[in-house]
PDB file of all heavy atoms in Angstrom:
ATOM      1  N   PHE A   1     144.830 104.495  91.160  1.00  0.00           N
ATOM      2  CA  PHE A   1     143.753 104.586  92.146  1.00  0.00           C
ATOM      3  C   PHE A   1     144.161 104.023  93.502  1.00  0.00           C
ATOM      4  O   PHE A   1     143.763 104.552  94.538  1.00  0.00           O
ATOM      5  CB  PHE A   1     142.508 103.848  91.648  1.00  0.00           C
ATOM      6  CG  PHE A   1     141.980 104.357  90.344  1.00  0.00           C
ATOM      7  CD1 PHE A   1     141.525 103.478  89.369  1.00  0.00           C
ATOM      8  CD2 PHE A   1     141.942 105.715  90.085  1.00  0.00           C
ATOM      9  CE1 PHE A   1     141.038 103.946  88.164  1.00  0.00           C
ATOM     10  CE2 PHE A   1     141.455 106.193  88.877  1.00  0.00           C
ATOM     11  CZ  PHE A   1     141.007 105.307  87.912  1.00  0.00           C
ATOM     12  N   GLY A   2     144.925 102.946  93.519  1.00  0.00           N
ATOM     13  CA  GLY A   2     145.355 102.353  94.775  1.00  0.00           C
ATOM     14  C   GLY A   2     144.222 101.626  95.495  1.00  0.00           C
ATOM     15  O   GLY A   2     143.111 101.482  94.986  1.00  0.00           O
ATOM     16  N   ILE A   3     144.513 101.188  96.710  1.00  0.00           N
ATOM     17  CA  ILE A   3     143.543 100.400  97.478  1.00  0.00           C
ATOM     18  C   ILE A   3     142.330 101.227  97.879  1.00  0.00           C
ATOM     19  O   ILE A   3     141.180 100.795  97.736  1.00  0.00           O
ATOM     20  CB  ILE A   3     144.206  99.815  98.742  1.00  0.00           C
ATOM     21  CG1 ILE A   3     145.326  98.832  98.366  1.00  0.00           C
ATOM     22  CG2 ILE A   3     143.157  99.116  99.615  1.00  0.00           C
ATOM     23  CD1 ILE A   3     144.852  97.587  97.677  1.00  0.00           C
ATOM     24  N   ALA A   4     142.569 102.449  98.377  1.00  0.00           N
ATOM     25  CA  ALA A   4     141.468 103.246  98.935  1.00  0.00           C
ATOM     26  C   ALA A   4     140.410 103.563  97.884  1.00  0.00           C
ATOM     27  O   ALA A   4     139.218 103.287  98.078  1.00  0.00           O
ATOM     28  CB  ALA A   4     142.007 104.531  99.543  1.00  0.00           C
ATOM     29  N   GLN A   5     140.826 104.145  96.758  1.00  0.00           N
ATOM     30  CA  GLN A   5     139.842 104.535  95.751  1.00  0.00           C
ATOM     31  C   GLN A   5     139.270 103.335  95.008  1.00  0.00           C
ATOM     32  O   GLN A   5     138.169 103.407  94.453  1.00  0.00           O
ATOM     33  CB  GLN A   5     140.459 105.532  94.766  1.00  0.00           C
ATOM     34  CG  GLN A   5     140.734 106.883  95.388  1.00  0.00           C
ATOM     35  CD  GLN A   5     140.671 108.024  94.385  1.00  0.00           C
ATOM     36  OE1 GLN A   5     139.885 108.013  93.448  1.00  0.00           O
ATOM     37  NE2 GLN A   5     141.523 109.017  94.587  1.00  0.00           N
ATOM     38  N   SER A   6     139.982 102.233  94.993  1.00  0.00           N
ATOM     39  CA  SER A   6     139.433 101.009  94.392  1.00  0.00           C
ATOM     40  C   SER A   6     138.363 100.409  95.297  1.00  0.00           C
ATOM     41  O   SER A   6     137.280 100.021  94.842  1.00  0.00           O
ATOM     42  CB  SER A   6     140.548  99.984  94.153  1.00  0.00           C
ATOM     43  OG  SER A   6     141.485 100.460  93.211  1.00  0.00           O
ATOM     44  N   ALA A   7     138.662 100.316  96.602  1.00  0.00           N
ATOM     45  CA  ALA A   7     137.694  99.765  97.552  1.00  0.00           C
ATOM     46  C   ALA A   7     136.457 100.650  97.653  1.00  0.00           C
ATOM     47  O   ALA A   7     135.315 100.151  97.711  1.00  0.00           O
ATOM     48  CB  ALA A   7     138.334  99.604  98.926  1.00  0.00           C
ATOM     49  N   LEU A   8     136.655 101.975  97.664  1.00  0.00           N
ATOM     50  CA  LEU A   8     135.520 102.899  97.743  1.00  0.00           C
ATOM     51  C   LEU A   8     134.665 102.795  96.487  1.00  0.00           C
ATOM     52  O   LEU A   8     133.424 102.745  96.564  1.00  0.00           O
ATOM     53  CB  LEU A   8     136.025 104.334  97.927  1.00  0.00           C
ATOM     54  CG  LEU A   8     134.954 105.421  98.027  1.00  0.00           C
ATOM     55  CD1 LEU A   8     134.032 105.159  99.205  1.00  0.00           C
ATOM     56  CD2 LEU A   8     135.597 106.802  98.143  1.00  0.00           C
ATOM     57  N   PHE A   9     135.298 102.746  95.324  1.00  0.00           N
ATOM     58  CA  PHE A   9     134.572 102.640  94.065  1.00  0.00           C
ATOM     59  C   PHE A   9     133.768 101.343  94.014  1.00  0.00           C
ATOM     60  O   PHE A   9     132.599 101.326  93.624  1.00  0.00           O
ATOM     61  CB  PHE A   9     135.559 102.686  92.892  1.00  0.00           C
ATOM     62  CG  PHE A   9     134.940 103.065  91.572  1.00  0.00           C
ATOM     63  CD1 PHE A   9     135.051 104.351  91.081  1.00  0.00           C
ATOM     64  CD2 PHE A   9     134.263 102.132  90.811  1.00  0.00           C
ATOM     65  CE1 PHE A   9     134.499 104.715  89.851  1.00  0.00           C
ATOM     66  CE2 PHE A   9     133.704 102.465  89.586  1.00  0.00           C
ATOM     67  CZ  PHE A   9     133.822 103.757  89.109  1.00  0.00           C
ATOM     68  N   THR A  10     134.396 100.245  94.443  1.00  0.00           N
ATOM     69  CA  THR A  10     133.720  98.944  94.447  1.00  0.00           C
ATOM     70  C   THR A  10     132.497  98.971  95.351  1.00  0.00           C
ATOM     71  O   THR A  10     131.426  98.460  94.989  1.00  0.00           O
ATOM     72  CB  THR A  10     134.683  97.845  94.920  1.00  0.00           C
ATOM     73  OG1 THR A  10     135.745  97.711  93.963  1.00  0.00           O
ATOM     74  CG2 THR A  10     133.978  96.514  95.080  1.00  0.00           C
ATOM     75  N   THR A  11     132.635  99.553  96.537  1.00  0.00           N
ATOM     76  CA  THR A  11     131.525  99.594  97.489  1.00  0.00           C
ATOM     77  C   THR A  11     130.410 100.492  96.997  1.00  0.00           C
ATOM     78  O   THR A  11     129.226 100.151  97.116  1.00  0.00           O
ATOM     79  CB  THR A  11     132.013 100.082  98.861  1.00  0.00           C
ATOM     80  OG1 THR A  11     133.171  99.332  99.254  1.00  0.00           O
ATOM     81  CG2 THR A  11     130.946  99.891  99.923  1.00  0.00           C
ATOM     82  N   VAL A  12     130.759 101.639  96.403  1.00  0.00           N
ATOM     83  CA  VAL A  12     129.742 102.575  95.924  1.00  0.00           C
ATOM     84  C   VAL A  12     129.012 102.020  94.710  1.00  0.00           C
ATOM     85  O   VAL A  12     127.786 102.110  94.613  1.00  0.00           O
ATOM     86  CB  VAL A  12     130.374 103.942  95.584  1.00  0.00           C
ATOM     87  CG1 VAL A  12     129.347 104.846  94.901  1.00  0.00           C
ATOM     88  CG2 VAL A  12     130.898 104.616  96.838  1.00  0.00           C
ATOM     89  N   THR A  13     129.738 101.418  93.776  1.00  0.00           N
ATOM     90  CA  THR A  13     129.106 100.980  92.530  1.00  0.00           C
ATOM     91  C   THR A  13     128.084  99.871  92.755  1.00  0.00           C
ATOM     92  O   THR A  13     127.101  99.759  92.018  1.00  0.00           O
ATOM     93  CB  THR A  13     130.168 100.529  91.508  1.00  0.00           C
ATOM     94  OG1 THR A  13     129.551 100.370  90.232  1.00  0.00           O
ATOM     95  CG2 THR A  13     130.801  99.200  91.879  1.00  0.00           C
ATOM     96  N   THR A  14     128.276  99.052  93.780  1.00  0.00           N
ATOM     97  CA  THR A  14     127.293  98.010  94.068  1.00  0.00           C
ATOM     98  C   THR A  14     126.271  98.475  95.106  1.00  0.00           C
ATOM     99  O   THR A  14     125.159  97.944  95.146  1.00  0.00           O
ATOM    100  CB  THR A  14     127.975  96.715  94.552  1.00  0.00           C
ATOM    101  OG1 THR A  14     129.042  97.042  95.461  1.00  0.00           O
ATOM    102  CG2 THR A  14     128.549  95.945  93.386  1.00  0.00           C
ATOM    103  N   ALA A  15     126.634  99.470  95.916  1.00  0.00           N
ATOM    104  CA  ALA A  15     125.638 100.070  96.811  1.00  0.00           C
ATOM    105  C   ALA A  15     124.606 100.840  95.988  1.00  0.00           C
ATOM    106  O   ALA A  15     123.404 100.732  96.213  1.00  0.00           O
ATOM    107  CB  ALA A  15     126.309 100.986  97.820  1.00  0.00           C
ATOM    108  N   ALA A  16     125.088 101.609  95.012  1.00  0.00           N
ATOM    109  CA  ALA A  16     124.205 102.411  94.170  1.00  0.00           C
ATOM    110  C   ALA A  16     123.715 101.631  92.949  1.00  0.00           C
ATOM    111  O   ALA A  16     123.127 102.224  92.040  1.00  0.00           O
ATOM    112  CB  ALA A  16     124.931 103.676  93.715  1.00  0.00           C
ATOM    113  N   THR A  17     123.935 100.325  92.926  1.00  0.00           N
ATOM    114  CA  THR A  17     123.556  99.437  91.811  1.00  0.00           C
ATOM    115  C   THR A  17     123.893 100.044  90.456  1.00  0.00           C
ATOM    116  O   THR A  17     123.082 100.056  89.532  1.00  0.00           O
ATOM    117  CB  THR A  17     122.055  99.050  91.852  1.00  0.00           C
ATOM    118  OG1 THR A  17     121.248 100.207  91.690  1.00  0.00           O
ATOM    119  CG2 THR A  17     121.693  98.351  93.150  1.00  0.00           C
ATOM    120  N   THR A  18     125.114 100.577  90.356  1.00  0.00           N
ATOM    121  CA  THR A  18     125.559 101.165  89.101  1.00  0.00           C
ATOM    122  C   THR A  18     126.187 100.101  88.209  1.00  0.00           C
ATOM    123  O   THR A  18     125.818  99.937  87.060  1.00  0.00           O
ATOM    124  CB  THR A  18     126.568 102.296  89.359  1.00  0.00           C
ATOM    125  OG1 THR A  18     126.003 103.222  90.282  1.00  0.00           O
ATOM    126  CG2 THR A  18     126.927 103.020  88.077  1.00  0.00           C
ATOM    127  N   GLY A  19     127.179  99.375  88.733  1.00  0.00           N
ATOM    128  CA  GLY A  19     127.798  98.311  87.955  1.00  0.00           C
ATOM    129  C   GLY A  19     129.070  98.707  87.261  1.00  0.00           C
ATOM    130  O   GLY A  19     129.785  97.853  86.728  1.00  0.00           O
ATOM    131  N   THR A  20     129.386 100.003  87.220  1.00  0.00           N
ATOM    132  CA  THR A  20     130.665 100.413  86.664  1.00  0.00           C
ATOM    133  C   THR A  20     131.786  99.937  87.583  1.00  0.00           C
ATOM    134  O   THR A  20     131.601  99.829  88.798  1.00  0.00           O
ATOM    135  CB  THR A  20     130.711 101.947  86.512  1.00  0.00           C
ATOM    136  OG1 THR A  20     131.984 102.336  86.001  1.00  0.00           O
ATOM    137  CG2 THR A  20     130.505 102.639  87.845  1.00  0.00           C
ATOM    138  N   VAL A  21     132.958  99.611  87.037  1.00  0.00           N
ATOM    139  CA  VAL A  21     134.062  99.101  87.857  1.00  0.00           C
ATOM    140  C   VAL A  21     135.360  99.799  87.465  1.00  0.00           C
ATOM    141  O   VAL A  21     135.592 100.100  86.298  1.00  0.00           O
ATOM    142  CB  VAL A  21     134.237  97.574  87.707  1.00  0.00           C
ATOM    143  CG1 VAL A  21     133.026  96.828  88.249  1.00  0.00           C
ATOM    144  CG2 VAL A  21     134.466  97.181  86.248  1.00  0.00           C
ATOM    145  N   ASN A  22     136.199 100.078  88.455  1.00  0.00           N
ATOM    146  CA  ASN A  22     137.535 100.607  88.152  1.00  0.00           C
ATOM    147  C   ASN A  22     138.623  99.605  88.528  1.00  0.00           C
ATOM    148  O   ASN A  22     139.798  99.936  88.541  1.00  0.00           O
ATOM    149  CB  ASN A  22     137.762 101.953  88.844  1.00  0.00           C
ATOM    150  CG  ASN A  22     138.021 101.824  90.339  1.00  0.00           C
ATOM    151  OD1 ASN A  22     137.816 100.753  90.940  1.00  0.00           O
ATOM    152  ND2 ASN A  22     138.463 102.914  90.961  1.00  0.00           N
ATOM    153  N   ASN A  23     138.199  98.383  88.857  1.00  0.00           N
ATOM    154  CA  ASN A  23     139.147  97.302  89.114  1.00  0.00           C
ATOM    155  C   ASN A  23     138.442  95.980  88.804  1.00  0.00           C
ATOM    156  O   ASN A  23     137.218  95.941  88.655  1.00  0.00           O
ATOM    157  CB  ASN A  23     139.654  97.335  90.567  1.00  0.00           C
ATOM    158  CG  ASN A  23     138.550  97.101  91.571  1.00  0.00           C
ATOM    159  OD1 ASN A  23     138.257  95.975  91.968  1.00  0.00           O
ATOM    160  ND2 ASN A  23     137.888  98.184  92.021  1.00  0.00           N
ATOM    161  N   MET A  24     139.204  94.912  88.693  1.00  0.00           N
ATOM    162  CA  MET A  24     138.637  93.611  88.354  1.00  0.00           C
ATOM    163  C   MET A  24     138.087  92.940  89.600  1.00  0.00           C
ATOM    164  O   MET A  24     138.849  92.525  90.482  1.00  0.00           O
ATOM    165  CB  MET A  24     139.708  92.728  87.716  1.00  0.00           C
ATOM    166  CG  MET A  24     139.234  91.344  87.339  1.00  0.00           C
ATOM    167  SD  MET A  24     138.071  91.330  85.985  1.00  0.00           S
ATOM    168  CE  MET A  24     139.176  91.542  84.591  1.00  0.00           C
ATOM    169  N   HIS A  25     136.761  92.844  89.707  1.00  0.00           N
ATOM    170  CA  HIS A  25     136.151  92.244  90.893  1.00  0.00           C
ATOM    171  C   HIS A  25     136.519  90.767  91.037  1.00  0.00           C
ATOM    172  O   HIS A  25     136.496  90.225  92.145  1.00  0.00           O
ATOM    173  CB  HIS A  25     134.637  92.414  90.850  1.00  0.00           C
ATOM    174  CG  HIS A  25     134.177  93.813  91.122  1.00  0.00           C
ATOM    175  ND1 HIS A  25     132.859  94.158  91.337  1.00  0.00           N
ATOM    176  CD2 HIS A  25     134.879  94.967  91.240  1.00  0.00           C
ATOM    177  CE1 HIS A  25     132.764  95.462  91.562  1.00  0.00           C
ATOM    178  NE2 HIS A  25     133.974  95.974  91.492  1.00  0.00           N
ATOM    179  N   ASP A  26     136.839  90.122  89.931  1.00  0.00           N
ATOM    180  CA  ASP A  26     137.214  88.709  89.977  1.00  0.00           C
ATOM    181  C   ASP A  26     138.514  88.493  90.754  1.00  0.00           C
ATOM    182  O   ASP A  26     138.774  87.400  91.245  1.00  0.00           O
ATOM    183  CB  ASP A  26     137.364  88.173  88.549  1.00  0.00           C
ATOM    184  CG  ASP A  26     137.466  86.660  88.505  1.00  0.00           C
ATOM    185  OD1 ASP A  26     136.636  85.991  89.148  1.00  0.00           O
ATOM    186  OD2 ASP A  26     138.382  86.144  87.842  1.00  0.00           O
ATOM    187  N   THR A  27     139.334  89.548  90.865  1.00  0.00           N
ATOM    188  CA  THR A  27     140.619  89.421  91.561  1.00  0.00           C
ATOM    189  C   THR A  27     140.576  89.970  92.983  1.00  0.00           C
ATOM    190  O   THR A  27     141.611  90.027  93.650  1.00  0.00           O
ATOM    191  CB  THR A  27     141.732  90.162  90.781  1.00  0.00           C
ATOM    192  OG1 THR A  27     141.401  91.558  90.698  1.00  0.00           O
ATOM    193  CG2 THR A  27     141.867  89.599  89.379  1.00  0.00           C
ATOM    194  N   LEU A  28     139.420  90.387  93.453  1.00  0.00           N
ATOM    195  CA  LEU A  28     139.309  90.820  94.845  1.00  0.00           C
ATOM    196  C   LEU A  28     139.576  89.647  95.780  1.00  0.00           C
ATOM    197  O   LEU A  28     139.355  88.484  95.423  1.00  0.00           O
ATOM    198  CB  LEU A  28     137.909  91.375  95.114  1.00  0.00           C
ATOM    199  CG  LEU A  28     137.523  92.688  94.419  1.00  0.00           C
ATOM    200  CD1 LEU A  28     136.031  92.955  94.589  1.00  0.00           C
ATOM    201  CD2 LEU A  28     138.338  93.850  94.950  1.00  0.00           C
ATOM    202  N   THR A  29     140.035  89.948  96.971  1.00  0.00           N
ATOM    203  CA  THR A  29     140.175  88.891  97.969  1.00  0.00           C
ATOM    204  C   THR A  29     138.777  88.321  98.263  1.00  0.00           C
ATOM    205  O   THR A  29     137.773  88.986  97.987  1.00  0.00           O
ATOM    206  CB  THR A  29     140.776  89.448  99.273  1.00  0.00           C
ATOM    207  OG1 THR A  29     139.899  90.468  99.800  1.00  0.00           O
ATOM    208  CG2 THR A  29     142.159  90.040  99.028  1.00  0.00           C
ATOM    209  N   PRO A  30     138.675  87.109  98.792  1.00  0.00           N
ATOM    210  CA  PRO A  30     137.345  86.527  99.029  1.00  0.00           C
ATOM    211  C   PRO A  30     136.414  87.426  99.835  1.00  0.00           C
ATOM    212  O   PRO A  30     135.242  87.594  99.485  1.00  0.00           O
ATOM    213  CB  PRO A  30     137.673  85.230  99.768  1.00  0.00           C
ATOM    214  CG  PRO A  30     139.018  84.838  99.278  1.00  0.00           C
ATOM    215  CD  PRO A  30     139.753  86.138  99.084  1.00  0.00           C
ATOM    216  N   LEU A  31     136.922  88.009 100.924  1.00  0.00           N
ATOM    217  CA  LEU A  31     136.068  88.891 101.737  1.00  0.00           C
ATOM    218  C   LEU A  31     135.816  90.215 101.026  1.00  0.00           C
ATOM    219  O   LEU A  31     134.747  90.811 101.179  1.00  0.00           O
ATOM    220  CB  LEU A  31     136.702  89.122 103.110  1.00  0.00           C
ATOM    221  CG  LEU A  31     136.795  87.889 104.018  1.00  0.00           C
ATOM    222  CD1 LEU A  31     137.354  88.279 105.382  1.00  0.00           C
ATOM    223  CD2 LEU A  31     135.432  87.212 104.174  1.00  0.00           C
ATOM    224  N   GLY A  32     136.808  90.675 100.266  1.00  0.00           N
ATOM    225  CA  GLY A  32     136.587  91.882  99.465  1.00  0.00           C
ATOM    226  C   GLY A  32     135.523  91.651  98.414  1.00  0.00           C
ATOM    227  O   GLY A  32     134.669  92.514  98.167  1.00  0.00           O
ATOM    228  N   GLY A  33     135.521  90.478  97.782  1.00  0.00           N
ATOM    229  CA  GLY A  33     134.498  90.137  96.800  1.00  0.00           C
ATOM    230  C   GLY A  33     133.134  89.896  97.417  1.00  0.00           C
ATOM    231  O   GLY A  33     132.104  90.039  96.742  1.00  0.00           O
ATOM    232  N   LEU A  34     133.126  89.539  98.698  1.00  0.00           N
ATOM    233  CA  LEU A  34     131.854  89.338  99.394  1.00  0.00           C
ATOM    234  C   LEU A  34     131.075  90.641  99.524  1.00  0.00           C
ATOM    235  O   LEU A  34     129.842  90.642  99.513  1.00  0.00           O
ATOM    236  CB  LEU A  34     132.129  88.748 100.780  1.00  0.00           C
ATOM    237  CG  LEU A  34     130.944  88.623 101.752  1.00  0.00           C
ATOM    238  CD1 LEU A  34     129.870  87.707 101.173  1.00  0.00           C
ATOM    239  CD2 LEU A  34     131.418  88.095 103.104  1.00  0.00           C
ATOM    240  N   VAL A  35     131.777  91.762  99.620  1.00  0.00           N
ATOM    241  CA  VAL A  35     131.119  93.053  99.838  1.00  0.00           C
ATOM    242  C   VAL A  35     130.197  93.430  98.676  1.00  0.00           C
ATOM    243  O   VAL A  35     128.996  93.675  98.898  1.00  0.00           O
ATOM    244  CB  VAL A  35     132.159  94.157 100.107  1.00  0.00           C
ATOM    245  CG1 VAL A  35     131.529  95.540 100.018  1.00  0.00           C
ATOM    246  CG2 VAL A  35     132.787  93.958 101.484  1.00  0.00           C
ATOM    247  N   PRO A  36     130.680  93.506  97.434  1.00  0.00           N
ATOM    248  CA  PRO A  36     129.743  93.841  96.351  1.00  0.00           C
ATOM    249  C   PRO A  36     128.642  92.803  96.187  1.00  0.00           C
ATOM    250  O   PRO A  36     127.502  93.144  95.866  1.00  0.00           O
ATOM    251  CB  PRO A  36     130.638  93.902  95.108  1.00  0.00           C
ATOM    252  CG  PRO A  36     131.863  93.137  95.451  1.00  0.00           C
ATOM    253  CD  PRO A  36     132.052  93.343  96.919  1.00  0.00           C
TER     254      PRO A  36
END
């Protein structure tokens, strides 16, 4: 998936309150984890 599809998936899944994940949110950078 790489960075682009991981970041897009993370943003969409919490924007749409879905909760499905294609990467480990615990390992996101601090600001990346701030988004979801």
